N, C-alpha and C. Protein backbone atom coordinates (compact mmCIF):
# COMPACT_ATOMS: atom_id res chain seq x y z
N GLY A 1 -7.56 -74.97 -27.98
CA GLY A 1 -6.89 -75.45 -29.15
C GLY A 1 -7.54 -76.73 -29.66
N GLU A 2 -7.03 -77.20 -30.75
CA GLU A 2 -7.47 -78.45 -31.34
C GLU A 2 -6.32 -79.45 -31.29
N ALA A 3 -6.59 -80.63 -30.78
CA ALA A 3 -5.55 -81.65 -30.65
C ALA A 3 -5.74 -82.80 -31.64
N GLY A 4 -6.52 -82.59 -32.64
CA GLY A 4 -6.79 -83.65 -33.61
C GLY A 4 -8.27 -83.95 -33.61
N CYS A 5 -8.68 -84.84 -32.74
CA CYS A 5 -10.08 -85.23 -32.63
C CYS A 5 -10.83 -84.37 -31.62
N ASN A 6 -10.17 -84.02 -30.54
CA ASN A 6 -10.79 -83.27 -29.45
C ASN A 6 -10.23 -81.86 -29.36
N SER A 7 -11.02 -80.96 -28.81
CA SER A 7 -10.54 -79.62 -28.51
C SER A 7 -10.18 -79.58 -27.03
N TYR A 8 -9.34 -78.62 -26.65
CA TYR A 8 -8.90 -78.53 -25.27
C TYR A 8 -8.78 -77.07 -24.86
N GLU A 9 -8.72 -76.85 -23.56
CA GLU A 9 -8.47 -75.54 -23.00
C GLU A 9 -7.24 -75.64 -22.12
N GLY A 10 -6.65 -74.50 -21.84
CA GLY A 10 -5.49 -74.49 -20.97
C GLY A 10 -5.04 -73.07 -20.72
N GLU A 11 -3.95 -72.97 -20.00
CA GLU A 11 -3.41 -71.66 -19.63
C GLU A 11 -1.89 -71.70 -19.77
N ALA A 12 -1.34 -70.65 -20.38
CA ALA A 12 0.11 -70.50 -20.45
C ALA A 12 0.53 -69.53 -19.37
N ILE A 13 1.42 -69.97 -18.50
CA ILE A 13 1.89 -69.14 -17.39
C ILE A 13 3.33 -68.75 -17.68
N ASN A 14 3.54 -67.45 -17.89
CA ASN A 14 4.85 -66.95 -18.25
C ASN A 14 5.73 -66.83 -17.02
N GLY A 15 6.95 -67.33 -17.13
CA GLY A 15 7.93 -67.20 -16.05
C GLY A 15 8.88 -66.07 -16.39
N ASP A 16 10.14 -66.28 -16.15
CA ASP A 16 11.16 -65.29 -16.48
C ASP A 16 11.55 -65.41 -17.94
N GLY A 17 11.55 -64.30 -18.65
CA GLY A 17 11.98 -64.30 -20.04
C GLY A 17 11.13 -65.19 -20.91
N ARG A 18 11.73 -66.25 -21.42
CA ARG A 18 11.03 -67.16 -22.32
C ARG A 18 10.57 -68.44 -21.63
N ASP A 19 10.69 -68.50 -20.32
CA ASP A 19 10.19 -69.67 -19.58
C ASP A 19 8.67 -69.62 -19.56
N VAL A 20 8.07 -70.77 -19.74
CA VAL A 20 6.61 -70.84 -19.72
C VAL A 20 6.19 -72.21 -19.20
N ARG A 21 5.04 -72.24 -18.57
CA ARG A 21 4.46 -73.52 -18.14
C ARG A 21 3.05 -73.54 -18.70
N ILE A 22 2.67 -74.65 -19.28
CA ILE A 22 1.33 -74.80 -19.84
C ILE A 22 0.53 -75.73 -18.95
N VAL A 23 -0.58 -75.22 -18.46
CA VAL A 23 -1.49 -76.03 -17.65
C VAL A 23 -2.62 -76.45 -18.57
N VAL A 24 -2.65 -77.72 -18.90
CA VAL A 24 -3.68 -78.25 -19.79
C VAL A 24 -4.96 -78.42 -19.00
N GLY A 25 -6.03 -77.82 -19.49
CA GLY A 25 -7.31 -77.87 -18.81
C GLY A 25 -8.22 -78.92 -19.41
N PRO A 26 -9.50 -78.69 -19.30
CA PRO A 26 -10.47 -79.68 -19.80
C PRO A 26 -10.43 -79.82 -21.31
N SER A 27 -10.81 -80.99 -21.76
CA SER A 27 -10.92 -81.23 -23.20
C SER A 27 -12.25 -81.92 -23.48
N SER A 28 -12.65 -81.84 -24.74
CA SER A 28 -13.88 -82.54 -25.12
C SER A 28 -13.62 -84.04 -25.04
N ALA A 29 -14.66 -84.83 -25.05
CA ALA A 29 -14.51 -86.28 -24.87
C ALA A 29 -15.11 -87.05 -26.04
N ARG A 30 -14.78 -86.59 -27.24
CA ARG A 30 -15.26 -87.31 -28.43
C ARG A 30 -14.54 -88.65 -28.53
N ARG A 31 -15.25 -89.63 -29.01
CA ARG A 31 -14.61 -90.93 -29.27
C ARG A 31 -13.91 -90.83 -30.62
N CYS A 32 -12.64 -91.09 -30.59
CA CYS A 32 -11.83 -91.00 -31.80
C CYS A 32 -11.43 -92.41 -32.20
N PRO A 33 -11.51 -92.71 -33.47
CA PRO A 33 -11.18 -94.06 -33.91
C PRO A 33 -9.67 -94.34 -33.88
N GLY A 34 -9.29 -95.44 -33.27
CA GLY A 34 -7.94 -96.00 -33.32
C GLY A 34 -6.78 -95.08 -33.03
N GLU A 35 -5.87 -95.00 -33.97
CA GLU A 35 -4.58 -94.32 -33.82
C GLU A 35 -4.68 -92.84 -33.48
N PRO A 36 -5.61 -92.07 -34.01
CA PRO A 36 -5.63 -90.63 -33.68
C PRO A 36 -5.69 -90.33 -32.19
N ILE A 37 -6.37 -91.13 -31.41
CA ILE A 37 -6.45 -90.85 -29.98
C ILE A 37 -5.09 -91.03 -29.31
N ALA A 38 -4.31 -92.01 -29.73
CA ALA A 38 -2.97 -92.22 -29.18
C ALA A 38 -2.07 -91.04 -29.52
N ILE A 39 -2.17 -90.53 -30.72
CA ILE A 39 -1.37 -89.38 -31.15
C ILE A 39 -1.79 -88.15 -30.35
N GLU A 40 -3.08 -87.98 -30.17
CA GLU A 40 -3.60 -86.84 -29.40
C GLU A 40 -3.12 -86.90 -27.95
N GLU A 41 -3.17 -88.05 -27.33
CA GLU A 41 -2.71 -88.20 -25.95
C GLU A 41 -1.23 -87.87 -25.83
N GLU A 42 -0.42 -88.27 -26.81
CA GLU A 42 1.01 -87.97 -26.79
C GLU A 42 1.24 -86.47 -26.96
N PHE A 43 0.48 -85.82 -27.83
CA PHE A 43 0.58 -84.37 -28.00
C PHE A 43 0.28 -83.65 -26.69
N MET A 44 -0.78 -84.06 -26.01
CA MET A 44 -1.17 -83.42 -24.75
C MET A 44 -0.10 -83.65 -23.67
N ARG A 45 0.52 -84.81 -23.66
CA ARG A 45 1.59 -85.11 -22.71
C ARG A 45 2.78 -84.19 -22.95
N ARG A 46 3.14 -83.99 -24.20
CA ARG A 46 4.25 -83.09 -24.53
C ARG A 46 3.90 -81.64 -24.24
N LEU A 47 2.68 -81.24 -24.54
CA LEU A 47 2.24 -79.88 -24.27
C LEU A 47 2.35 -79.55 -22.78
N ALA A 48 1.98 -80.48 -21.93
CA ALA A 48 2.05 -80.28 -20.48
C ALA A 48 3.50 -80.23 -19.98
N ALA A 49 4.48 -80.66 -20.80
CA ALA A 49 5.88 -80.66 -20.40
C ALA A 49 6.67 -79.48 -20.96
N VAL A 50 5.99 -78.53 -21.59
CA VAL A 50 6.66 -77.37 -22.19
C VAL A 50 7.32 -76.53 -21.10
N GLU A 51 8.56 -76.09 -21.39
CA GLU A 51 9.33 -75.28 -20.45
C GLU A 51 9.69 -73.91 -20.99
N ARG A 52 9.84 -73.78 -22.31
CA ARG A 52 10.27 -72.52 -22.91
C ARG A 52 9.56 -72.31 -24.23
N PHE A 53 9.47 -71.05 -24.64
CA PHE A 53 8.91 -70.72 -25.94
C PHE A 53 9.83 -69.75 -26.65
N SER A 54 9.72 -69.72 -27.97
CA SER A 54 10.42 -68.73 -28.80
C SER A 54 9.69 -68.63 -30.12
N PHE A 55 10.14 -67.72 -30.96
CA PHE A 55 9.56 -67.54 -32.28
C PHE A 55 10.68 -67.59 -33.31
N LEU A 56 10.39 -68.19 -34.45
CA LEU A 56 11.36 -68.27 -35.54
C LEU A 56 10.60 -68.20 -36.86
N ASN A 57 10.90 -67.20 -37.65
CA ASN A 57 10.26 -67.02 -38.95
C ASN A 57 8.74 -67.07 -38.86
N GLY A 58 8.18 -66.41 -37.86
CA GLY A 58 6.74 -66.34 -37.70
C GLY A 58 6.11 -67.59 -37.12
N ARG A 59 6.90 -68.52 -36.66
CA ARG A 59 6.39 -69.75 -36.07
C ARG A 59 6.66 -69.78 -34.57
N LEU A 60 5.72 -70.35 -33.84
CA LEU A 60 5.87 -70.52 -32.40
C LEU A 60 6.59 -71.83 -32.14
N LEU A 61 7.65 -71.78 -31.35
CA LEU A 61 8.40 -72.97 -30.97
C LEU A 61 8.19 -73.21 -29.48
N LEU A 62 7.79 -74.42 -29.11
CA LEU A 62 7.61 -74.80 -27.72
C LEU A 62 8.59 -75.91 -27.39
N GLN A 63 9.50 -75.64 -26.48
CA GLN A 63 10.52 -76.60 -26.07
C GLN A 63 10.00 -77.36 -24.85
N TYR A 64 10.08 -78.68 -24.91
CA TYR A 64 9.60 -79.50 -23.79
C TYR A 64 10.66 -80.51 -23.39
N ALA A 65 10.53 -81.00 -22.17
CA ALA A 65 11.44 -82.03 -21.67
C ALA A 65 10.64 -83.05 -20.88
N LEU A 66 10.74 -84.29 -21.29
CA LEU A 66 10.14 -85.42 -20.59
C LEU A 66 11.27 -86.29 -20.04
N GLU A 67 10.93 -87.29 -19.26
CA GLU A 67 11.96 -88.14 -18.69
C GLU A 67 12.76 -88.89 -19.75
N ASP A 68 12.16 -89.17 -20.91
CA ASP A 68 12.82 -89.95 -21.94
C ASP A 68 13.07 -89.18 -23.23
N GLU A 69 12.79 -87.88 -23.24
CA GLU A 69 12.87 -87.14 -24.49
C GLU A 69 12.83 -85.64 -24.23
N ALA A 70 13.58 -84.90 -25.04
CA ALA A 70 13.52 -83.44 -25.05
C ALA A 70 13.52 -83.01 -26.50
N ASP A 71 12.62 -82.09 -26.86
CA ASP A 71 12.50 -81.71 -28.25
C ASP A 71 11.74 -80.39 -28.34
N VAL A 72 11.40 -80.00 -29.57
CA VAL A 72 10.69 -78.75 -29.83
C VAL A 72 9.49 -79.05 -30.73
N MET A 73 8.34 -78.46 -30.38
CA MET A 73 7.18 -78.52 -31.25
C MET A 73 7.09 -77.18 -31.98
N CYS A 74 6.76 -77.21 -33.24
CA CYS A 74 6.72 -76.01 -34.06
C CYS A 74 5.30 -75.82 -34.58
N PHE A 75 4.76 -74.59 -34.42
CA PHE A 75 3.41 -74.28 -34.83
C PHE A 75 3.41 -73.08 -35.77
N LYS A 76 2.56 -73.11 -36.77
CA LYS A 76 2.42 -71.95 -37.64
C LYS A 76 0.97 -71.48 -37.58
N SER A 77 0.78 -70.23 -37.89
CA SER A 77 -0.56 -69.64 -37.86
C SER A 77 -1.41 -70.24 -38.98
N MET A 78 -2.68 -70.46 -38.67
CA MET A 78 -3.61 -70.95 -39.69
C MET A 78 -4.24 -69.79 -40.44
N ASN A 79 -3.98 -68.56 -40.00
CA ASN A 79 -4.49 -67.38 -40.69
C ASN A 79 -3.55 -67.01 -41.83
N PRO A 80 -4.10 -66.64 -42.98
CA PRO A 80 -3.22 -66.30 -44.12
C PRO A 80 -2.40 -65.06 -43.88
């Protein structure tokens, strides 16, 4: 995938039903200017905390839980 400045690899491991665990693998090591790298690091932290997935209106929803936050990330296809 693309996390903004860097690309990354990983694996989605399906559990029971809609349970999923994402193992974030290697990523490229481009130097990103200022704020984008902080945003990218936060995205990767949330991605590694994903517990469940679902679909809504053609969008992928990934539910995550961290020690200080629980929320959903929403993704849409880049293909027309």
